């Protein structure tokens, strides 16, 4: 159940961040409200996930998946560019989370 809640936290964080971009600095009311509500669900879900998932694993996974997905969304939906250094940074995030999960798998 902890990992399901972590997945909800990740999905809602990604959606909230996308809404935040669309809120245009909180000047578009519908996107602004969606941002706040999604972040509330995100942090509630993350707090519940932490009851059974180690903080180090949960937070690293939450951050890294959020970074990778948000970067992909920024490229696809908003036409932002990603260079070789950005790709390397994303790869390092993924490798770091995998190593962290492998290190704590027995705990």
PDB file of N, CA and C in Angstrom:
ATOM      1  N   UNK A   1       0.816  -1.194   0.000  1.00  0.00           N
ATOM      2  CA  UNK A   1       0.000   0.000   0.000  1.00  0.00           C
ATOM      3  C   UNK A   1       0.865   1.266   0.000  1.00  0.00           C
ATOM      4  N   UNK A   2       2.011   1.208   0.677  1.00  0.00           N
ATOM      5  CA  UNK A   2       2.912   2.358   0.732  1.00  0.00           C
ATOM      6  C   UNK A   2       3.392   2.779  -0.644  1.00  0.00           C
ATOM      7  N   UNK A   3       3.728   1.798  -1.474  1.00  0.00           N
ATOM      8  CA  UNK A   3       4.215   2.124  -2.811  1.00  0.00           C
ATOM      9  C   UNK A   3       3.093   2.622  -3.710  1.00  0.00           C
ATOM     10  N   UNK A   4       1.885   2.175  -3.489  1.00  0.00           N
ATOM     11  CA  UNK A   4       0.734   2.705  -4.235  1.00  0.00           C
ATOM     12  C   UNK A   4       0.520   4.175  -3.869  1.00  0.00           C
ATOM     13  N   UNK A   5       0.597   4.487  -2.578  1.00  0.00           N
ATOM     14  CA  UNK A   5       0.471   5.876  -2.143  1.00  0.00           C
ATOM     15  C   UNK A   5       1.625   6.735  -2.664  1.00  0.00           C
ATOM     16  N   UNK A   6       2.809   6.144  -2.735  1.00  0.00           N
ATOM     17  CA  UNK A   6       3.948   6.858  -3.302  1.00  0.00           C
ATOM     18  C   UNK A   6       3.692   7.156  -4.780  1.00  0.00           C
ATOM     19  N   UNK A   7       3.123   6.205  -5.497  1.00  0.00           N
ATOM     20  CA  UNK A   7       2.790   6.426  -6.915  1.00  0.00           C
ATOM     21  C   UNK A   7       1.764   7.540  -7.068  1.00  0.00           C
ATOM     22  N   UNK A   8       0.781   7.582  -6.174  1.00  0.00           N
ATOM     23  CA  UNK A   8      -0.210   8.665  -6.208  1.00  0.00           C
ATOM     24  C   UNK A   8       0.481  10.005  -5.934  1.00  0.00           C
ATOM     25  N   UNK A   9       1.377  10.022  -4.963  1.00  0.00           N
ATOM     26  CA  UNK A   9       2.108  11.251  -4.643  1.00  0.00           C
ATOM     27  C   UNK A   9       2.927  11.722  -5.842  1.00  0.00           C
ATOM     28  N   UNK A  10       3.566  10.801  -6.517  1.00  0.00           N
ATOM     29  CA  UNK A  10       4.377  11.149  -7.689  1.00  0.00           C
ATOM     30  C   UNK A  10       3.487  11.688  -8.808  1.00  0.00           C
ATOM     31  N   UNK A  11       2.414  10.973  -9.098  1.00  0.00           N
ATOM     32  CA  UNK A  11       1.522  11.384 -10.194  1.00  0.00           C
ATOM     33  C   UNK A  11       0.904  12.758  -9.933  1.00  0.00           C
ATOM     34  N   UNK A  12       0.480  12.986  -8.702  1.00  0.00           N
ATOM     35  CA  UNK A  12      -0.154  14.276  -8.407  1.00  0.00           C
ATOM     36  C   UNK A  12       0.868  15.411  -8.354  1.00  0.00           C
ATOM     37  N   UNK A  13       2.099  15.098  -7.962  1.00  0.00           N
ATOM     38  CA  UNK A  13       3.145  16.125  -7.976  1.00  0.00           C
ATOM     39  C   UNK A  13       3.457  16.537  -9.405  1.00  0.00           C
ATOM     40  N   UNK A  14       3.529  15.572 -10.298  1.00  0.00           N
ATOM     41  CA  UNK A  14       3.798  15.861 -11.708  1.00  0.00           C
ATOM     42  C   UNK A  14       2.651  16.687 -12.296  1.00  0.00           C
ATOM     43  N   UNK A  15       1.429  16.282 -12.010  1.00  0.00           N
ATOM     44  CA  UNK A  15       0.266  17.021 -12.502  1.00  0.00           C
ATOM     45  C   UNK A  15       0.235  18.435 -11.915  1.00  0.00           C
ATOM     46  N   UNK A  16       0.540  18.561 -10.625  1.00  0.00           N
ATOM     47  CA  UNK A  16       0.533  19.876  -9.970  1.00  0.00           C
ATOM     48  C   UNK A  16       1.589  20.795 -10.572  1.00  0.00           C
ATOM     49  N   UNK A  17       2.757  20.256 -10.839  1.00  0.00           N
ATOM     50  CA  UNK A  17       3.825  21.066 -11.413  1.00  0.00           C
ATOM     51  C   UNK A  17       3.466  21.517 -12.825  1.00  0.00           C
ATOM     52  N   UNK A  18       2.820  20.644 -13.578  1.00  0.00           N
ATOM     53  CA  UNK A  18       2.361  21.016 -14.917  1.00  0.00           C
ATOM     54  C   UNK A  18       1.297  22.111 -14.824  1.00  0.00           C
ATOM     55  N   UNK A  19       0.384  21.970 -13.881  1.00  0.00           N
ATOM     56  CA  UNK A  19      -0.628  23.009 -13.663  1.00  0.00           C
ATOM     57  C   UNK A  19       0.020  24.315 -13.231  1.00  0.00           C
ATOM     58  N   UNK A  20       1.070  24.221 -12.429  1.00  0.00           N
ATOM     59  CA  UNK A  20       1.771  25.417 -11.967  1.00  0.00           C
ATOM     60  C   UNK A  20       2.325  26.201 -13.153  1.00  0.00           C
ATOM     61  N   UNK A  21       2.898  25.491 -14.116  1.00  0.00           N
ATOM     62  CA  UNK A  21       3.397  26.156 -15.328  1.00  0.00           C
ATOM     63  C   UNK A  21       2.235  26.844 -16.052  1.00  0.00           C
ATOM     64  N   UNK A  22       1.106  26.145 -16.157  1.00  0.00           N
ATOM     65  CA  UNK A  22      -0.064  26.701 -16.850  1.00  0.00           C
ATOM     66  C   UNK A  22      -0.737  27.826 -16.070  1.00  0.00           C
ATOM     67  N   UNK A  23      -0.473  27.918 -14.774  1.00  0.00           N
ATOM     68  CA  UNK A  23      -1.105  28.969 -13.967  1.00  0.00           C
ATOM     69  C   UNK A  23      -0.539  30.352 -14.262  1.00  0.00           C
ATOM     70  N   UNK A  24       0.581  30.379 -14.978  1.00  0.00           N
ATOM     71  CA  UNK A  24       1.197  31.647 -15.376  1.00  0.00           C
ATOM     72  C   UNK A  24       1.434  32.550 -14.151  1.00  0.00           C
ATOM     73  N   UNK A  25       2.144  31.983 -13.188  1.00  0.00           N
ATOM     74  CA  UNK A  25       2.460  32.761 -11.980  1.00  0.00           C
ATOM     75  C   UNK A  25       1.246  33.007 -11.105  1.00  0.00           C
ATOM     76  N   UNK A  26       0.354  32.029 -11.049  1.00  0.00           N
ATOM     77  CA  UNK A  26      -0.894  32.101 -10.288  1.00  0.00           C
ATOM     78  C   UNK A  26      -1.796  33.247 -10.760  1.00  0.00           C
ATOM     79  N   UNK A  27      -1.772  33.527 -12.060  1.00  0.00           N
ATOM     80  CA  UNK A  27      -2.656  34.549 -12.608  1.00  0.00           C
ATOM     81  C   UNK A  27      -3.851  33.949 -13.337  1.00  0.00           C
ATOM     82  N   UNK A  28      -3.857  32.629 -13.530  1.00  0.00           N
ATOM     83  CA  UNK A  28      -4.986  31.943 -14.167  1.00  0.00           C
ATOM     84  C   UNK A  28      -5.682  31.131 -13.072  1.00  0.00           C
ATOM     85  N   UNK A  29      -6.836  31.579 -12.613  1.00  0.00           N
ATOM     86  CA  UNK A  29      -7.476  30.982 -11.438  1.00  0.00           C
ATOM     87  C   UNK A  29      -7.694  29.462 -11.504  1.00  0.00           C
ATOM     88  N   UNK A  30      -8.195  28.940 -12.587  1.00  0.00           N
ATOM     89  CA  UNK A  30      -8.483  27.499 -12.652  1.00  0.00           C
ATOM     90  C   UNK A  30      -7.208  26.667 -12.497  1.00  0.00           C
ATOM     91  N   UNK A  31      -6.158  27.065 -13.195  1.00  0.00           N
ATOM     92  CA  UNK A  31      -4.891  26.341 -13.079  1.00  0.00           C
ATOM     93  C   UNK A  31      -4.286  26.524 -11.686  1.00  0.00           C
ATOM     94  N   UNK A  32      -4.468  27.689 -11.099  1.00  0.00           N
ATOM     95  CA  UNK A  32      -3.943  27.958  -9.759  1.00  0.00           C
ATOM     96  C   UNK A  32      -4.623  27.077  -8.713  1.00  0.00           C
ATOM     97  N   UNK A  33      -5.941  26.979  -8.793  1.00  0.00           N
ATOM     98  CA  UNK A  33      -6.688  26.127  -7.859  1.00  0.00           C
ATOM     99  C   UNK A  33      -6.289  24.673  -8.047  1.00  0.00           C
ATOM    100  N   UNK A  34      -6.175  24.234  -9.294  1.00  0.00           N
ATOM    101  CA  UNK A  34      -5.770  22.853  -9.561  1.00  0.00           C
ATOM    102  C   UNK A  34      -4.388  22.572  -8.978  1.00  0.00           C
ATOM    103  N   UNK A  35      -3.487  23.536  -9.102  1.00  0.00           N
ATOM    104  CA  UNK A  35      -2.136  23.382  -8.554  1.00  0.00           C
ATOM    105  C   UNK A  35      -2.174  23.138  -7.048  1.00  0.00           C
ATOM    106  N   UNK A  36      -2.881  23.979  -6.341  1.00  0.00           N
ATOM    107  CA  UNK A  36      -2.945  23.882  -4.876  1.00  0.00           C
ATOM    108  C   UNK A  36      -3.595  22.569  -4.447  1.00  0.00           C
ATOM    109  N   UNK A  37      -4.704  22.200  -5.080  1.00  0.00           N
ATOM    110  CA  UNK A  37      -5.392  20.958  -4.718  1.00  0.00           C
ATOM    111  C   UNK A  37      -4.522  19.729  -4.996  1.00  0.00           C
ATOM    112  N   UNK A  38      -3.872  19.717  -6.143  1.00  0.00           N
ATOM    113  CA  UNK A  38      -3.022  18.564  -6.479  1.00  0.00           C
ATOM    114  C   UNK A  38      -1.819  18.462  -5.548  1.00  0.00           C
ATOM    115  N   UNK A  39      -1.219  19.594  -5.197  1.00  0.00           N
ATOM    116  CA  UNK A  39      -0.109  19.544  -4.235  1.00  0.00           C
ATOM    117  C   UNK A  39      -0.587  19.052  -2.866  1.00  0.00           C
ATOM    118  N   UNK A  40      -1.786  19.427  -2.466  1.00  0.00           N
ATOM    119  CA  UNK A  40      -2.334  18.943  -1.190  1.00  0.00           C
ATOM    120  C   UNK A  40      -2.489  17.421  -1.222  1.00  0.00           C
ATOM    121  N   UNK A  41      -3.037  16.894  -2.300  1.00  0.00           N
ATOM    122  CA  UNK A  41      -3.174  15.432  -2.437  1.00  0.00           C
ATOM    123  C   UNK A  41      -1.796  14.781  -2.472  1.00  0.00           C
ATOM    124  N   UNK A  42      -0.876  15.409  -3.173  1.00  0.00           N
ATOM    125  CA  UNK A  42       0.486  14.887  -3.275  1.00  0.00           C
ATOM    126  C   UNK A  42       1.132  14.729  -1.899  1.00  0.00           C
ATOM    127  N   UNK A  43       1.129  15.801  -1.123  1.00  0.00           N
ATOM    128  CA  UNK A  43       1.804  15.743   0.180  1.00  0.00           C
ATOM    129  C   UNK A  43       1.066  14.852   1.179  1.00  0.00           C
ATOM    130  N   UNK A  44      -0.241  14.793   1.078  1.00  0.00           N
ATOM    131  CA  UNK A  44      -0.978  13.867   1.941  1.00  0.00           C
ATOM    132  C   UNK A  44      -0.603  12.429   1.590  1.00  0.00           C
ATOM    133  N   UNK A  45      -0.585  12.118   0.301  1.00  0.00           N
ATOM    134  CA  UNK A  45      -0.243  10.763  -0.133  1.00  0.00           C
ATOM    135  C   UNK A  45       1.188  10.408   0.256  1.00  0.00           C
ATOM    136  N   UNK A  46       2.095  11.362   0.086  1.00  0.00           N
ATOM    137  CA  UNK A  46       3.489  11.122   0.470  1.00  0.00           C
ATOM    138  C   UNK A  46       3.594  10.886   1.976  1.00  0.00           C
ATOM    139  N   UNK A  47       2.872  11.646   2.760  1.00  0.00           N
ATOM    140  CA  UNK A  47       2.925  11.467   4.217  1.00  0.00           C
ATOM    141  C   UNK A  47       2.418  10.085   4.622  1.00  0.00           C
ATOM    142  N   UNK A  48       1.395   9.608   3.944  1.00  0.00           N
ATOM    143  CA  UNK A  48       0.859   8.271   4.247  1.00  0.00           C
ATOM    144  C   UNK A  48       1.814   7.176   3.762  1.00  0.00           C
ATOM    145  N   UNK A  49       2.440   7.407   2.628  1.00  0.00           N
ATOM    146  CA  UNK A  49       3.401   6.426   2.106  1.00  0.00           C
ATOM    147  C   UNK A  49       4.574   6.251   3.066  1.00  0.00           C
ATOM    148  N   UNK A  50       4.959   7.342   3.723  1.00  0.00           N
ATOM    149  CA  UNK A  50       6.110   7.288   4.633  1.00  0.00           C
ATOM    150  C   UNK A  50       5.850   6.451   5.884  1.00  0.00           C
ATOM    151  N   UNK A  51       4.618   6.043   6.092  1.00  0.00           N
ATOM    152  CA  UNK A  51       4.338   5.153   7.215  1.00  0.00           C
ATOM    153  C   UNK A  51       4.927   3.761   6.991  1.00  0.00           C
ATOM    154  N   UNK A  52       5.115   3.379   5.724  1.00  0.00           N
ATOM    155  CA  UNK A  52       5.623   2.034   5.436  1.00  0.00           C
ATOM    156  C   UNK A  52       6.840   2.013   4.523  1.00  0.00           C
ATOM    157  N   UNK A  53       7.137   3.109   3.857  1.00  0.00           N
ATOM    158  CA  UNK A  53       8.280   3.164   2.939  1.00  0.00           C
ATOM    159  C   UNK A  53       9.355   4.021   3.592  1.00  0.00           C
ATOM    160  N   UNK A  54      10.608   3.553   3.540  1.00  0.00           N
ATOM    161  CA  UNK A  54      11.712   4.323   4.105  1.00  0.00           C
ATOM    162  C   UNK A  54      11.758   5.722   3.489  1.00  0.00           C
ATOM    163  N   UNK A  55      12.022   6.719   4.316  1.00  0.00           N
ATOM    164  CA  UNK A  55      12.083   8.103   3.859  1.00  0.00           C
ATOM    165  C   UNK A  55      13.087   8.275   2.728  1.00  0.00           C
ATOM    166  N   UNK A  56      14.265   7.694   2.881  1.00  0.00           N
ATOM    167  CA  UNK A  56      15.300   7.873   1.856  1.00  0.00           C
ATOM    168  C   UNK A  56      14.846   7.331   0.511  1.00  0.00           C
ATOM    169  N   UNK A  57      14.237   6.183   0.513  1.00  0.00           N
ATOM    170  CA  UNK A  57      13.765   5.570  -0.738  1.00  0.00           C
ATOM    171  C   UNK A  57      12.580   6.349  -1.294  1.00  0.00           C
ATOM    172  N   UNK A  58      11.625   6.685  -0.453  1.00  0.00           N
ATOM    173  CA  UNK A  58      10.424   7.373  -0.916  1.00  0.00           C
ATOM    174  C   UNK A  58      10.764   8.742  -1.496  1.00  0.00           C
ATOM    175  N   UNK A  59      11.556   9.508  -0.781  1.00  0.00           N
ATOM    176  CA  UNK A  59      11.849  10.860  -1.235  1.00  0.00           C
ATOM    177  C   UNK A  59      12.699  10.857  -2.504  1.00  0.00           C
ATOM    178  N   UNK A  60      13.705   9.986  -2.532  1.00  0.00           N
ATOM    179  CA  UNK A  60      14.553   9.911  -3.724  1.00  0.00           C
ATOM    180  C   UNK A  60      13.750   9.465  -4.938  1.00  0.00           C
ATOM    181  N   UNK A  61      12.882   8.495  -4.747  1.00  0.00           N
ATOM    182  CA  UNK A  61      12.050   8.012  -5.853  1.00  0.00           C
ATOM    183  C   UNK A  61      11.088   9.098  -6.296  1.00  0.00           C
ATOM    184  N   UNK A  62      10.444   9.736  -5.338  1.00  0.00           N
ATOM    185  CA  UNK A  62       9.489  10.814  -5.622  1.00  0.00           C
ATOM    186  C   UNK A  62      10.172  11.925  -6.423  1.00  0.00           C
ATOM    187  N   UNK A  63      11.332  12.328  -5.979  1.00  0.00           N
ATOM    188  CA  UNK A  63      12.057  13.405  -6.661  1.00  0.00           C
ATOM    189  C   UNK A  63      12.506  12.996  -8.058  1.00  0.00           C
ATOM    190  N   UNK A  64      13.155  11.853  -8.154  1.00  0.00           N
ATOM    191  CA  UNK A  64      13.729  11.439  -9.437  1.00  0.00           C
ATOM    192  C   UNK A  64      12.660  11.174 -10.485  1.00  0.00           C
ATOM    193  N   UNK A  65      11.603  10.468 -10.115  1.00  0.00           N
ATOM    194  CA  UNK A  65      10.536  10.211 -11.088  1.00  0.00           C
ATOM    195  C   UNK A  65       9.881  11.534 -11.477  1.00  0.00           C
ATOM    196  N   UNK A  66       9.706  12.413 -10.507  1.00  0.00           N
ATOM    197  CA  UNK A  66       9.145  13.729 -10.795  1.00  0.00           C
ATOM    198  C   UNK A  66      10.024  14.528 -11.746  1.00  0.00           C
ATOM    199  N   UNK A  67      11.330  14.485 -11.532  1.00  0.00           N
ATOM    200  CA  UNK A  67      12.265  15.206 -12.401  1.00  0.00           C
ATOM    201  C   UNK A  67      12.209  14.665 -13.821  1.00  0.00           C
ATOM    202  N   UNK A  68      12.277  13.348 -13.952  1.00  0.00           N
ATOM    203  CA  UNK A  68      12.280  12.734 -15.282  1.00  0.00           C
ATOM    204  C   UNK A  68      10.963  13.018 -16.010  1.00  0.00           C
ATOM    205  N   UNK A  69       9.853  12.783 -15.337  1.00  0.00           N
ATOM    206  CA  UNK A  69       8.543  12.978 -15.981  1.00  0.00           C
ATOM    207  C   UNK A  69       8.281  14.452 -16.294  1.00  0.00           C
ATOM    208  N   UNK A  70       8.619  15.336 -15.353  1.00  0.00           N
ATOM    209  CA  UNK A  70       8.393  16.755 -15.573  1.00  0.00           C
ATOM    210  C   UNK A  70       9.275  17.276 -16.706  1.00  0.00           C
ATOM    211  N   UNK A  71      10.475  16.776 -16.803  1.00  0.00           N
ATOM    212  CA  UNK A  71      11.350  17.159 -17.908  1.00  0.00           C
ATOM    213  C   UNK A  71      10.765  16.699 -19.236  1.00  0.00           C
ATOM    214  N   UNK A  72      10.271  15.470 -19.284  1.00  0.00           N
ATOM    215  CA  UNK A  72       9.652  14.969 -20.512  1.00  0.00           C
ATOM    216  C   UNK A  72       8.433  15.808 -20.888  1.00  0.00           C
ATOM    217  N   UNK A  73       7.625  16.149 -19.900  1.00  0.00           N
ATOM    218  CA  UNK A  73       6.441  16.979 -20.151  1.00  0.00           C
ATOM    219  C   UNK A  73       6.858  18.359 -20.655  1.00  0.00           C
ATOM    220  N   UNK A  74       7.905  18.921 -20.062  1.00  0.00           N
ATOM    221  CA  UNK A  74       8.341  20.255 -20.483  1.00  0.00           C
ATOM    222  C   UNK A  74       8.828  20.251 -21.927  1.00  0.00           C
ATOM    223  N   UNK A  75       9.442  19.159 -22.340  1.00  0.00           N
ATOM    224  CA  UNK A  75       9.914  19.052 -23.725  1.00  0.00           C
ATOM    225  C   UNK A  75       8.737  18.853 -24.675  1.00  0.00           C
ATOM    226  N   UNK A  76       7.828  17.929 -24.333  1.00  0.00           N
ATOM    227  CA  UNK A  76       6.723  17.578 -25.226  1.00  0.00           C
ATOM    228  C   UNK A  76       5.642  18.660 -25.267  1.00  0.00           C
ATOM    229  N   UNK A  77       5.186  19.112 -24.099  1.00  0.00           N
ATOM    230  CA  UNK A  77       4.058  20.048 -24.058  1.00  0.00           C
ATOM    231  C   UNK A  77       4.454  21.511 -24.210  1.00  0.00           C
ATOM    232  N   UNK A  78       5.613  21.870 -23.683  1.00  0.00           N
ATOM    233  CA  UNK A  78       5.980  23.282 -23.649  1.00  0.00           C
ATOM    234  C   UNK A  78       7.121  23.635 -24.598  1.00  0.00           C
ATOM    235  N   UNK A  79       7.602  22.651 -25.350  1.00  0.00           N
ATOM    236  CA  UNK A  79       8.635  22.909 -26.346  1.00  0.00           C
ATOM    237  C   UNK A  79       9.979  23.315 -25.785  1.00  0.00           C
ATOM    238  N   UNK A  80      10.234  22.978 -24.543  1.00  0.00           N
ATOM    239  CA  UNK A  80      11.524  23.319 -23.945  1.00  0.00           C
ATOM    240  C   UNK A  80      12.597  22.365 -24.478  1.00  0.00           C
ATOM    241  N   UNK A  81      13.824  22.806 -24.460  1.00  0.00           N
ATOM    242  CA  UNK A  81      14.922  22.011 -25.015  1.00  0.00           C
ATOM    243  C   UNK A  81      15.694  21.300 -23.911  1.00  0.00           C
ATOM    244  N   UNK A  82      16.257  20.172 -24.286  1.00  0.00           N
ATOM    245  CA  UNK A  82      17.082  19.394 -23.360  1.00  0.00           C
ATOM    246  C   UNK A  82      18.389  19.076 -24.072  1.00  0.00           C
ATOM    247  N   UNK A  83      19.500  19.496 -23.481  1.00  0.00           N
ATOM    248  CA  UNK A  83      20.799  19.242 -24.102  1.00  0.00           C
ATOM    249  C   UNK A  83      21.464  18.008 -23.487  1.00  0.00           C
ATOM    250  N   UNK A  84      22.673  17.722 -23.940  1.00  0.00           N
ATOM    251  CA  UNK A  84      23.389  16.526 -23.475  1.00  0.00           C
ATOM    252  C   UNK A  84      23.638  16.560 -21.969  1.00  0.00           C
ATOM    253  N   UNK A  85      23.949  17.716 -21.433  1.00  0.00           N
ATOM    254  CA  UNK A  85      24.184  17.821 -19.989  1.00  0.00           C
ATOM    255  C   UNK A  85      22.900  17.529 -19.217  1.00  0.00           C
ATOM    256  N   UNK A  86      21.766  17.998 -19.730  1.00  0.00           N
ATOM    257  CA  UNK A  86      20.482  17.706 -19.095  1.00  0.00           C
ATOM    258  C   UNK A  86      20.164  16.225 -19.127  1.00  0.00           C
ATOM    259  N   UNK A  87      20.419  15.590 -20.257  1.00  0.00           N
ATOM    260  CA  UNK A  87      20.204  14.138 -20.360  1.00  0.00           C
ATOM    261  C   UNK A  87      21.108  13.375 -19.403  1.00  0.00           C
ATOM    262  N   UNK A  88      22.354  13.819 -19.289  1.00  0.00           N
ATOM    263  CA  UNK A  88      23.281  13.172 -18.354  1.00  0.00           C
ATOM    264  C   UNK A  88      22.799  13.342 -16.917  1.00  0.00           C
ATOM    265  N   UNK A  89      22.303  14.514 -16.588  1.00  0.00           N
ATOM    266  CA  UNK A  89      21.777  14.760 -15.244  1.00  0.00           C
ATOM    267  C   UNK A  89      20.596  13.863 -14.926  1.00  0.00           C
ATOM    268  N   UNK A  90      19.718  13.687 -15.886  1.00  0.00           N
ATOM    269  CA  UNK A  90      18.567  12.808 -15.681  1.00  0.00           C
ATOM    270  C   UNK A  90      19.037  11.373 -15.497  1.00  0.00           C
ATOM    271  N   UNK A  91      19.993  10.957 -16.309  1.00  0.00           N
ATOM    272  CA  UNK A  91      20.523   9.598 -16.173  1.00  0.00           C
ATOM    273  C   UNK A  91      21.133   9.395 -14.788  1.00  0.00           C
ATOM    274  N   UNK A  92      21.847  10.391 -14.296  1.00  0.00           N
ATOM    275  CA  UNK A  92      22.442  10.286 -12.957  1.00  0.00           C
ATOM    276  C   UNK A  92      21.369  10.202 -11.874  1.00  0.00           C
ATOM    277  N   UNK A  93      20.274  10.931 -12.033  1.00  0.00           N
ATOM    278  CA  UNK A  93      19.155  10.843 -11.083  1.00  0.00           C
ATOM    279  C   UNK A  93      18.614   9.423 -11.033  1.00  0.00           C
ATOM    280  N   UNK A  94      18.393   8.861 -12.202  1.00  0.00           N
ATOM    281  CA  UNK A  94      17.835   7.506 -12.283  1.00  0.00           C
ATOM    282  C   UNK A  94      18.801   6.499 -11.662  1.00  0.00           C
ATOM    283  N   UNK A  95      20.071   6.608 -12.006  1.00  0.00           N
ATOM    284  CA  UNK A  95      21.068   5.690 -11.449  1.00  0.00           C
ATOM    285  C   UNK A  95      21.132   5.833  -9.934  1.00  0.00           C
ATOM    286  N   UNK A  96      21.091   7.057  -9.440  1.00  0.00           N
ATOM    287  CA  UNK A  96      21.137   7.280  -7.993  1.00  0.00           C
ATOM    288  C   UNK A  96      19.967   6.637  -7.269  1.00  0.00           C
ATOM    289  N   UNK A  97      18.770   6.760  -7.812  1.00  0.00           N
ATOM    290  CA  UNK A  97      17.592   6.169  -7.174  1.00  0.00           C
ATOM    291  C   UNK A  97      17.664   4.645  -7.222  1.00  0.00           C
ATOM    292  N   UNK A  98      18.111   4.104  -8.339  1.00  0.00           N
ATOM    293  CA  UNK A  98      18.247   2.643  -8.440  1.00  0.00           C
ATOM    294  C   UNK A  98      19.245   2.145  -7.405  1.00  0.00           C
ATOM    295  N   UNK A  99      20.376   2.808  -7.289  1.00  0.00           N
ATOM    296  CA  UNK A  99      21.383   2.388  -6.302  1.00  0.00           C
ATOM    297  C   UNK A  99      20.845   2.514  -4.876  1.00  0.00           C
ATOM    298  N   UNK A 100      20.138   3.569  -4.594  1.00  0.00           N
ATOM    299  CA  UNK A 100      19.561   3.753  -3.263  1.00  0.00           C
ATOM    300  C   UNK A 100      18.559   2.651  -2.956  1.00  0.00           C
ATOM    301  N   UNK A 101      17.704   2.327  -3.933  1.00  0.00           N
ATOM    302  CA  UNK A 101      16.725   1.257  -3.734  1.00  0.00           C
ATOM    303  C   UNK A 101      17.395  -0.089  -3.554  1.00  0.00           C
ATOM    304  N   UNK A 102      18.459  -0.358  -4.287  1.00  0.00           N
ATOM    305  CA  UNK A 102      19.189  -1.610  -4.123  1.00  0.00           C
ATOM    306  C   UNK A 102      19.859  -1.683  -2.772  1.00  0.00           C
ATOM    307  N   UNK A 103      20.376  -0.567  -2.289  1.00  0.00           N
ATOM    308  CA  UNK A 103      21.063  -0.504  -0.998  1.00  0.00           C
ATOM    309  C   UNK A 103      20.109  -0.741   0.173  1.00  0.00           C
ATOM    310  N   UNK A 104      18.857  -0.316   0.049  1.00  0.00           N
ATOM    311  CA  UNK A 104      17.919  -0.421   1.164  1.00  0.00           C
ATOM    312  C   UNK A 104      16.907  -1.543   0.972  1.00  0.00           C
ATOM    313  N   UNK A 105      17.086  -2.377  -0.067  1.00  0.00           N
ATOM    314  CA  UNK A 105      16.103  -3.417  -0.371  1.00  0.00           C
ATOM    315  C   UNK A 105      15.940  -4.407   0.771  1.00  0.00           C
ATOM    316  N   UNK A 106      16.975  -4.661   1.518  1.00  0.00           N
ATOM    317  CA  UNK A 106      16.892  -5.648   2.596  1.00  0.00           C
ATOM    318  C   UNK A 106      16.418  -5.090   3.922  1.00  0.00           C
ATOM    319  N   UNK A 107      16.136  -3.828   4.000  1.00  0.00           N
ATOM    320  CA  UNK A 107      15.770  -3.193   5.287  1.00  0.00           C
ATOM    321  C   UNK A 107      14.305  -3.178   5.490  1.00  0.00           C
TER     322      UNK A 107
END
